[in-house]
C-alpha cells in the first residue's frame, strides 16, 4: 500500500511539473506588476502567476497549521478536563454521594 502511495505521489508531482513547464512556455509575454504601493519590473506572466500561486500555497499551509495547532491545544485541554472529571466520578463512586454533600 505504501508503494502505491509513493507511486501516486510521484505521478501527481510529475504531472504538476509538466503542466507548470507547459504553462511557462505558453506565457512568456513580459508584463509589469503594479501592487498599488510598489511597481515591480517586467517579468513573464507565467513567473508572476506561479510566484503568487506558490505564495498562496504557503499562506494556506500556514493558516491550516495555525488552525491545527489551535485544535490540538483545545483537544489537550478537553482531555485534561475529561481525566479530572473521571477521577471525580471515581472518587464519588468510592465514597458515595452522601459523603460529598
C-alpha atoms as a PDB file:
ATOM      1  CA  UNK A   1       0.000   0.000   0.000  1.00  0.00           C
ATOM      2  CA  UNK A   2       2.889   2.367   0.816  1.00  0.00           C
ATOM      3  CA  UNK A   3       4.429   1.695  -2.589  1.00  0.00           C
ATOM      4  CA  UNK A   4       1.164   2.610  -4.292  1.00  0.00           C
ATOM      5  CA  UNK A   5       1.004   5.860  -2.303  1.00  0.00           C
ATOM      6  CA  UNK A   6       4.593   6.751  -3.282  1.00  0.00           C
ATOM      7  CA  UNK A   7       3.954   5.976  -6.943  1.00  0.00           C
ATOM      8  CA  UNK A   8       0.748   8.007  -6.960  1.00  0.00           C
ATOM      9  CA  UNK A   9       2.519  10.925  -5.281  1.00  0.00           C
ATOM     10  CA  UNK A  10       5.317  10.808  -7.840  1.00  0.00           C
ATOM     11  CA  UNK A  11       2.768  10.721 -10.647  1.00  0.00           C
ATOM     12  CA  UNK A  12       0.931  13.763  -9.299  1.00  0.00           C
ATOM     13  CA  UNK A  13       4.176  15.692  -8.737  1.00  0.00           C
ATOM     14  CA  UNK A  14       5.423  14.779 -12.217  1.00  0.00           C
ATOM     15  CA  UNK A  15       2.153  15.896 -13.795  1.00  0.00           C
ATOM     16  CA  UNK A  16       2.318  19.205 -11.882  1.00  0.00           C
ATOM     17  CA  UNK A  17       5.884  19.821 -13.081  1.00  0.00           C
ATOM     18  CA  UNK A  18       4.965  19.060 -16.696  1.00  0.00           C
ATOM     19  CA  UNK A  19       1.876  21.268 -16.558  1.00  0.00           C
ATOM     20  CA  UNK A  20       3.909  24.063 -14.928  1.00  0.00           C
ATOM     21  CA  UNK A  21       6.545  23.816 -17.655  1.00  0.00           C
ATOM     22  CA  UNK A  22       3.917  23.907 -20.408  1.00  0.00           C
ATOM     23  CA  UNK A  23       2.223  26.871 -18.737  1.00  0.00           C
ATOM     24  CA  UNK A  24       5.563  28.684 -18.524  1.00  0.00           C
ATOM     25  CA  UNK A  25       6.376  28.024 -22.168  1.00  0.00           C
ATOM     26  CA  UNK A  26       2.997  29.333 -23.320  1.00  0.00           C
ATOM     27  CA  UNK A  27       3.001  32.534 -21.213  1.00  0.00           C
ATOM     28  CA  UNK A  28       6.274  34.318 -21.884  1.00  0.00           C
ATOM     29  CA  UNK A  29       4.956  37.855 -22.503  1.00  0.00           C
ATOM     30  CA  UNK A  30       6.668  40.302 -20.135  1.00  0.00           C
ATOM     31  CA  UNK A  31       4.321  42.424 -18.030  1.00  0.00           C
ATOM     32  CA  UNK A  32       4.993  44.876 -15.184  1.00  0.00           C
ATOM     33  CA  UNK A  33       3.216  44.318 -11.903  1.00  0.00           C
ATOM     34  CA  UNK A  34       1.678  47.262 -10.053  1.00  0.00           C
ATOM     35  CA  UNK A  35       0.790  46.486  -6.422  1.00  0.00           C
ATOM     36  CA  UNK A  36      -0.552  49.990  -5.622  1.00  0.00           C
ATOM     37  CA  UNK A  37       2.359  50.675  -3.285  1.00  0.00           C
ATOM     38  CA  UNK A  38       5.225  49.327  -5.338  1.00  0.00           C
ATOM     39  CA  UNK A  39       5.783  48.825  -9.076  1.00  0.00           C
ATOM     40  CA  UNK A  40       7.702  45.674  -9.936  1.00  0.00           C
ATOM     41  CA  UNK A  41       9.763  45.294 -13.092  1.00  0.00           C
ATOM     42  CA  UNK A  42       8.611  43.414 -16.166  1.00  0.00           C
ATOM     43  CA  UNK A  43       8.701  39.642 -15.913  1.00  0.00           C
ATOM     44  CA  UNK A  44       6.940  36.831 -17.762  1.00  0.00           C
ATOM     45  CA  UNK A  45       3.246  36.370 -16.962  1.00  0.00           C
ATOM     46  CA  UNK A  46       3.905  32.757 -16.037  1.00  0.00           C
ATOM     47  CA  UNK A  47       6.500  33.798 -13.468  1.00  0.00           C
ATOM     48  CA  UNK A  48       4.089  36.197 -11.736  1.00  0.00           C
ATOM     49  CA  UNK A  49       1.278  33.629 -11.728  1.00  0.00           C
ATOM     50  CA  UNK A  50       3.483  30.818 -10.426  1.00  0.00           C
ATOM     51  CA  UNK A  51       5.038  33.056  -7.746  1.00  0.00           C
ATOM     52  CA  UNK A  52       1.652  34.144  -6.456  1.00  0.00           C
ATOM     53  CA  UNK A  53       0.349  30.584  -6.636  1.00  0.00           C
ATOM     54  CA  UNK A  54       3.307  29.435  -4.530  1.00  0.00           C
ATOM     55  CA  UNK A  55       2.768  32.320  -2.084  1.00  0.00           C
ATOM     56  CA  UNK A  56      -0.909  31.361  -1.795  1.00  0.00           C
ATOM     57  CA  UNK A  57       0.040  27.757  -1.079  1.00  0.00           C
ATOM     58  CA  UNK A  58       2.424  28.854   1.670  1.00  0.00           C
ATOM     59  CA  UNK A  59      -0.162  31.176   3.234  1.00  0.00           C
ATOM     60  CA  UNK A  60      -2.774  28.406   3.068  1.00  0.00           C
ATOM     61  CA  UNK A  61      -0.434  25.900   4.700  1.00  0.00           C
ATOM     62  CA  UNK A  62       0.452  28.359   7.463  1.00  0.00           C
ATOM     63  CA  UNK A  63      -3.226  29.101   8.065  1.00  0.00           C
ATOM     64  CA  UNK A  64      -4.042  25.407   8.172  1.00  0.00           C
ATOM     65  CA  UNK A  65      -1.167  24.775  10.574  1.00  0.00           C
ATOM     66  CA  UNK A  66      -2.420  27.542  12.869  1.00  0.00           C
ATOM     67  CA  UNK A  67      -5.923  26.050  12.921  1.00  0.00           C
ATOM     68  CA  UNK A  68      -4.471  22.589  13.526  1.00  0.00           C
ATOM     69  CA  UNK A  69      -2.383  23.817  16.466  1.00  0.00           C
ATOM     70  CA  UNK A  70      -5.401  25.566  17.964  1.00  0.00           C
ATOM     71  CA  UNK A  71      -7.486  22.390  17.671  1.00  0.00           C
ATOM     72  CA  UNK A  72      -4.719  20.278  19.230  1.00  0.00           C
ATOM     73  CA  UNK A  73      -4.473  22.673  22.158  1.00  0.00           C
ATOM     74  CA  UNK A  74      -8.256  22.516  22.617  1.00  0.00           C
ATOM     75  CA  UNK A  75      -8.208  18.724  22.443  1.00  0.00           C
ATOM     76  CA  UNK A  76      -5.429  18.542  25.042  1.00  0.00           C
ATOM     77  CA  UNK A  77      -7.418  20.843  27.341  1.00  0.00           C
ATOM     78  CA  UNK A  78     -10.513  18.679  26.905  1.00  0.00           C
ATOM     79  CA  UNK A  79      -8.520  15.503  27.618  1.00  0.00           C
ATOM     80  CA  UNK A  80      -7.184  17.002  30.845  1.00  0.00           C
ATOM     81  CA  UNK A  81     -10.688  18.074  31.840  1.00  0.00           C
ATOM     82  CA  UNK A  82     -12.057  14.626  30.973  1.00  0.00           C
ATOM     83  CA  UNK A  83      -9.420  12.891  33.081  1.00  0.00           C
ATOM     84  CA  UNK A  84     -10.122  15.221  36.010  1.00  0.00           C
ATOM     85  CA  UNK A  85     -13.851  14.536  35.765  1.00  0.00           C
ATOM     86  CA  UNK A  86     -13.275  10.766  35.549  1.00  0.00           C
ATOM     87  CA  UNK A  87     -11.231  10.938  38.745  1.00  0.00           C
ATOM     88  CA  UNK A  88     -14.009  12.916  40.418  1.00  0.00           C
ATOM     89  CA  UNK A  89     -16.638  10.371  39.359  1.00  0.00           C
ATOM     90  CA  UNK A  90     -14.477   7.503  40.635  1.00  0.00           C
ATOM     91  CA  UNK A  91     -13.988   9.305  43.932  1.00  0.00           C
ATOM     92  CA  UNK A  92     -17.737   9.868  44.263  1.00  0.00           C
ATOM     93  CA  UNK A  93     -18.443   6.216  43.499  1.00  0.00           C
ATOM     94  CA  UNK A  94     -15.985   5.059  46.145  1.00  0.00           C
ATOM     95  CA  UNK A  95     -17.117   7.347  48.936  1.00  0.00           C
ATOM     96  CA  UNK A  96     -20.750   7.642  47.983  1.00  0.00           C
ATOM     97  CA  UNK A  97     -22.724  10.757  47.201  1.00  0.00           C
ATOM     98  CA  UNK A  98     -23.804  11.286  50.840  1.00  0.00           C
ATOM     99  CA  UNK A  99     -20.231  11.980  51.992  1.00  0.00           C
ATOM    100  CA  UNK A 100     -19.604  14.635  49.342  1.00  0.00           C
ATOM    101  CA  UNK A 101     -22.662  16.723  50.391  1.00  0.00           C
END
